[in-house]
Amino acid sequence: MMVEDLNESKVRWLTYLVYILLTAITIVSGWNTVKITDMPDKYVRLERYQTDTNRIERTLIAIDAKLDKLIDRKRD
């Protein structure tokens, strides 16, 4: 087996390598978490954008209908 070829110094270096990789992964994950939580300050989430757009469209349709009624009354 490959494990039998490892002496004490190789095991120690591999252990340090694992610690370094775990530390790097932890730092990157933490940094991504901080960046994601800061996003709503700079960007609008898709769900909120879609909700706002749908609300604006419904409001414009209502205004259009009211204007059509007003224009029809003026013609009569």
N, C-alpha and C. Protein backbone atom coordinates (compact mmCIF):
# COMPACT_ATOMS: atom_id res chain seq x y z
N MET A 1 0.83 -1.18 0.00
CA MET A 1 0.00 0.00 0.00
C MET A 1 0.87 1.24 0.00
N MET A 2 0.30 2.35 -0.40
CA MET A 2 1.03 3.60 -0.46
C MET A 2 1.30 4.16 0.93
N VAL A 3 0.44 3.87 1.87
CA VAL A 3 0.59 4.42 3.21
C VAL A 3 1.83 3.88 3.89
N GLU A 4 2.22 2.69 3.57
CA GLU A 4 3.41 2.10 4.20
C GLU A 4 4.68 2.84 3.81
N ASP A 5 4.69 3.53 2.67
CA ASP A 5 5.87 4.25 2.22
C ASP A 5 6.04 5.61 2.90
N LEU A 6 5.05 6.05 3.66
CA LEU A 6 5.11 7.36 4.30
C LEU A 6 5.85 7.27 5.62
N ASN A 7 6.87 8.12 5.74
CA ASN A 7 7.54 8.18 7.04
C ASN A 7 6.93 9.33 7.84
N GLU A 8 7.47 9.54 9.03
CA GLU A 8 6.89 10.53 9.94
C GLU A 8 6.93 11.96 9.38
N SER A 9 8.00 12.34 8.72
CA SER A 9 8.09 13.70 8.19
C SER A 9 7.11 13.92 7.04
N LYS A 10 6.90 12.91 6.21
CA LYS A 10 5.94 13.04 5.12
C LYS A 10 4.52 13.16 5.67
N VAL A 11 4.21 12.41 6.69
CA VAL A 11 2.89 12.48 7.31
C VAL A 11 2.68 13.87 7.91
N ARG A 12 3.70 14.43 8.55
CA ARG A 12 3.61 15.77 9.14
C ARG A 12 3.36 16.81 8.05
N TRP A 13 4.08 16.74 6.92
CA TRP A 13 3.88 17.70 5.84
C TRP A 13 2.50 17.57 5.21
N LEU A 14 2.04 16.35 5.06
CA LEU A 14 0.69 16.15 4.53
C LEU A 14 -0.36 16.71 5.49
N THR A 15 -0.12 16.54 6.78
CA THR A 15 -1.03 17.09 7.78
C THR A 15 -1.05 18.62 7.70
N TYR A 16 0.11 19.24 7.56
CA TYR A 16 0.17 20.70 7.42
C TYR A 16 -0.54 21.15 6.13
N LEU A 17 -0.36 20.37 5.08
CA LEU A 17 -1.02 20.70 3.82
C LEU A 17 -2.53 20.66 3.98
N VAL A 18 -3.04 19.66 4.67
CA VAL A 18 -4.48 19.57 4.91
C VAL A 18 -4.93 20.76 5.75
N TYR A 19 -4.18 21.14 6.77
CA TYR A 19 -4.54 22.31 7.59
C TYR A 19 -4.58 23.58 6.74
N ILE A 20 -3.60 23.75 5.87
CA ILE A 20 -3.54 24.94 5.02
C ILE A 20 -4.74 24.97 4.07
N LEU A 21 -5.07 23.82 3.47
CA LEU A 21 -6.21 23.77 2.56
C LEU A 21 -7.52 24.04 3.29
N LEU A 22 -7.69 23.48 4.48
CA LEU A 22 -8.89 23.74 5.26
C LEU A 22 -9.00 25.22 5.64
N THR A 23 -7.89 25.83 5.99
CA THR A 23 -7.89 27.25 6.32
C THR A 23 -8.26 28.09 5.10
N ALA A 24 -7.70 27.74 3.95
CA ALA A 24 -8.01 28.49 2.72
C ALA A 24 -9.49 28.35 2.37
N ILE A 25 -10.03 27.15 2.48
CA ILE A 25 -11.45 26.95 2.17
C ILE A 25 -12.32 27.73 3.14
N THR A 26 -11.96 27.74 4.42
CA THR A 26 -12.73 28.48 5.41
C THR A 26 -12.71 29.98 5.13
N ILE A 27 -11.56 30.51 4.77
CA ILE A 27 -11.44 31.95 4.48
C ILE A 27 -12.26 32.31 3.25
N VAL A 28 -12.17 31.51 2.20
CA VAL A 28 -12.93 31.79 0.97
C VAL A 28 -14.42 31.69 1.24
N SER A 29 -14.85 30.69 1.99
CA SER A 29 -16.28 30.56 2.31
C SER A 29 -16.77 31.75 3.13
N GLY A 30 -15.99 32.17 4.10
CA GLY A 30 -16.37 33.33 4.90
C GLY A 30 -16.44 34.60 4.07
N TRP A 31 -15.49 34.78 3.18
CA TRP A 31 -15.47 35.96 2.32
C TRP A 31 -16.69 35.97 1.40
N ASN A 32 -17.04 34.79 0.84
CA ASN A 32 -18.23 34.70 -0.01
C ASN A 32 -19.50 35.00 0.77
N THR A 33 -19.57 34.54 2.00
CA THR A 33 -20.74 34.80 2.83
C THR A 33 -20.89 36.29 3.09
N VAL A 34 -19.80 36.96 3.39
CA VAL A 34 -19.85 38.41 3.61
C VAL A 34 -20.28 39.13 2.34
N LYS A 35 -19.75 38.73 1.20
CA LYS A 35 -20.10 39.38 -0.07
C LYS A 35 -21.57 39.15 -0.42
N ILE A 36 -22.09 37.97 -0.16
CA ILE A 36 -23.48 37.67 -0.48
C ILE A 36 -24.41 38.48 0.42
N THR A 37 -24.08 38.64 1.69
CA THR A 37 -24.94 39.41 2.58
C THR A 37 -24.90 40.89 2.26
N ASP A 38 -23.85 41.37 1.62
CA ASP A 38 -23.76 42.77 1.23
C ASP A 38 -24.49 43.06 -0.09
N MET A 39 -24.83 42.04 -0.84
CA MET A 39 -25.43 42.24 -2.16
C MET A 39 -26.74 43.03 -2.15
N PRO A 40 -27.67 42.80 -1.23
CA PRO A 40 -28.92 43.57 -1.30
C PRO A 40 -28.72 45.08 -1.20
N ASP A 41 -27.62 45.53 -0.63
CA ASP A 41 -27.36 46.96 -0.57
C ASP A 41 -27.04 47.52 -1.95
N LYS A 42 -26.45 46.71 -2.82
CA LYS A 42 -26.03 47.19 -4.12
C LYS A 42 -26.96 46.73 -5.24
N TYR A 43 -27.55 45.57 -5.08
CA TYR A 43 -28.37 44.97 -6.13
C TYR A 43 -29.73 44.59 -5.55
N VAL A 44 -30.70 44.44 -6.44
CA VAL A 44 -32.03 44.01 -6.04
C VAL A 44 -32.16 42.53 -6.39
N ARG A 45 -32.67 41.77 -5.49
CA ARG A 45 -32.86 40.34 -5.76
C ARG A 45 -33.91 40.16 -6.85
N LEU A 46 -33.80 39.06 -7.59
CA LEU A 46 -34.67 38.79 -8.72
C LEU A 46 -36.14 38.75 -8.31
N GLU A 47 -36.45 38.13 -7.19
CA GLU A 47 -37.84 38.01 -6.74
C GLU A 47 -38.45 39.39 -6.49
N ARG A 48 -37.68 40.27 -5.87
CA ARG A 48 -38.18 41.61 -5.60
C ARG A 48 -38.36 42.39 -6.91
N TYR A 49 -37.43 42.23 -7.83
CA TYR A 49 -37.53 42.91 -9.12
C TYR A 49 -38.78 42.45 -9.86
N GLN A 50 -39.02 41.14 -9.88
CA GLN A 50 -40.19 40.62 -10.58
C GLN A 50 -41.48 41.10 -9.92
N THR A 51 -41.52 41.12 -8.61
CA THR A 51 -42.71 41.59 -7.90
C THR A 51 -42.97 43.06 -8.20
N ASP A 52 -41.92 43.87 -8.14
CA ASP A 52 -42.08 45.30 -8.44
C ASP A 52 -42.52 45.53 -9.88
N THR A 53 -41.94 44.78 -10.81
CA THR A 53 -42.31 44.92 -12.22
C THR A 53 -43.77 44.53 -12.44
N ASN A 54 -44.19 43.44 -11.82
CA ASN A 54 -45.60 43.02 -11.96
C ASN A 54 -46.55 44.05 -11.38
N ARG A 55 -46.18 44.64 -10.25
CA ARG A 55 -47.02 45.66 -9.63
C ARG A 55 -47.13 46.89 -10.53
N ILE A 56 -46.01 47.30 -11.09
CA ILE A 56 -46.00 48.46 -11.98
C ILE A 56 -46.84 48.18 -13.24
N GLU A 57 -46.73 46.98 -13.78
CA GLU A 57 -47.53 46.63 -14.96
C GLU A 57 -49.02 46.67 -14.64
N ARG A 58 -49.43 46.13 -13.49
CA ARG A 58 -50.84 46.16 -13.11
C ARG A 58 -51.32 47.60 -12.93
N THR A 59 -50.48 48.44 -12.33
CA THR A 59 -50.84 49.85 -12.14
C THR A 59 -51.00 50.56 -13.47
N LEU A 60 -50.09 50.30 -14.40
CA LEU A 60 -50.18 50.93 -15.73
C LEU A 60 -51.43 50.46 -16.48
N ILE A 61 -51.78 49.21 -16.35
CA ILE A 61 -52.99 48.70 -16.99
C ILE A 61 -54.22 49.40 -16.41
N ALA A 62 -54.25 49.58 -15.11
CA ALA A 62 -55.37 50.26 -14.46
C ALA A 62 -55.46 51.71 -14.91
N ILE A 63 -54.32 52.39 -14.98
CA ILE A 63 -54.30 53.79 -15.45
C ILE A 63 -54.77 53.87 -16.90
N ASP A 64 -54.33 52.93 -17.72
CA ASP A 64 -54.74 52.91 -19.12
C ASP A 64 -56.26 52.73 -19.24
N ALA A 65 -56.81 51.83 -18.44
CA ALA A 65 -58.26 51.62 -18.47
C ALA A 65 -59.01 52.87 -18.05
N LYS A 66 -58.53 53.55 -17.02
CA LYS A 66 -59.17 54.78 -16.56
C LYS A 66 -59.09 55.87 -17.63
N LEU A 67 -57.94 55.97 -18.29
CA LEU A 67 -57.81 56.97 -19.36
C LEU A 67 -58.74 56.66 -20.52
N ASP A 68 -58.87 55.37 -20.86
CA ASP A 68 -59.80 55.00 -21.93
C ASP A 68 -61.22 55.40 -21.58
N LYS A 69 -61.63 55.16 -20.33
CA LYS A 69 -62.98 55.56 -19.89
C LYS A 69 -63.16 57.07 -19.96
N LEU A 70 -62.14 57.82 -19.53
CA LEU A 70 -62.20 59.27 -19.55
C LEU A 70 -62.30 59.80 -20.97
N ILE A 71 -61.53 59.22 -21.88
CA ILE A 71 -61.55 59.64 -23.28
C ILE A 71 -62.90 59.32 -23.90
N ASP A 72 -63.48 58.16 -23.57
CA ASP A 72 -64.80 57.79 -24.10
C ASP A 72 -65.86 58.74 -23.60
N ARG A 73 -65.78 59.19 -22.35
CA ARG A 73 -66.76 60.15 -21.80
C ARG A 73 -66.65 61.50 -22.52
N LYS A 74 -65.44 61.92 -22.82
CA LYS A 74 -65.24 63.21 -23.48
C LYS A 74 -65.82 63.18 -24.89
N ARG A 75 -65.76 62.05 -25.56
CA ARG A 75 -66.28 61.93 -26.92
C ARG A 75 -67.79 62.02 -26.94
N ASP A 76 -68.43 61.49 -25.91
CA ASP A 76 -69.90 61.48 -25.88
C ASP A 76 -70.44 62.81 -25.56
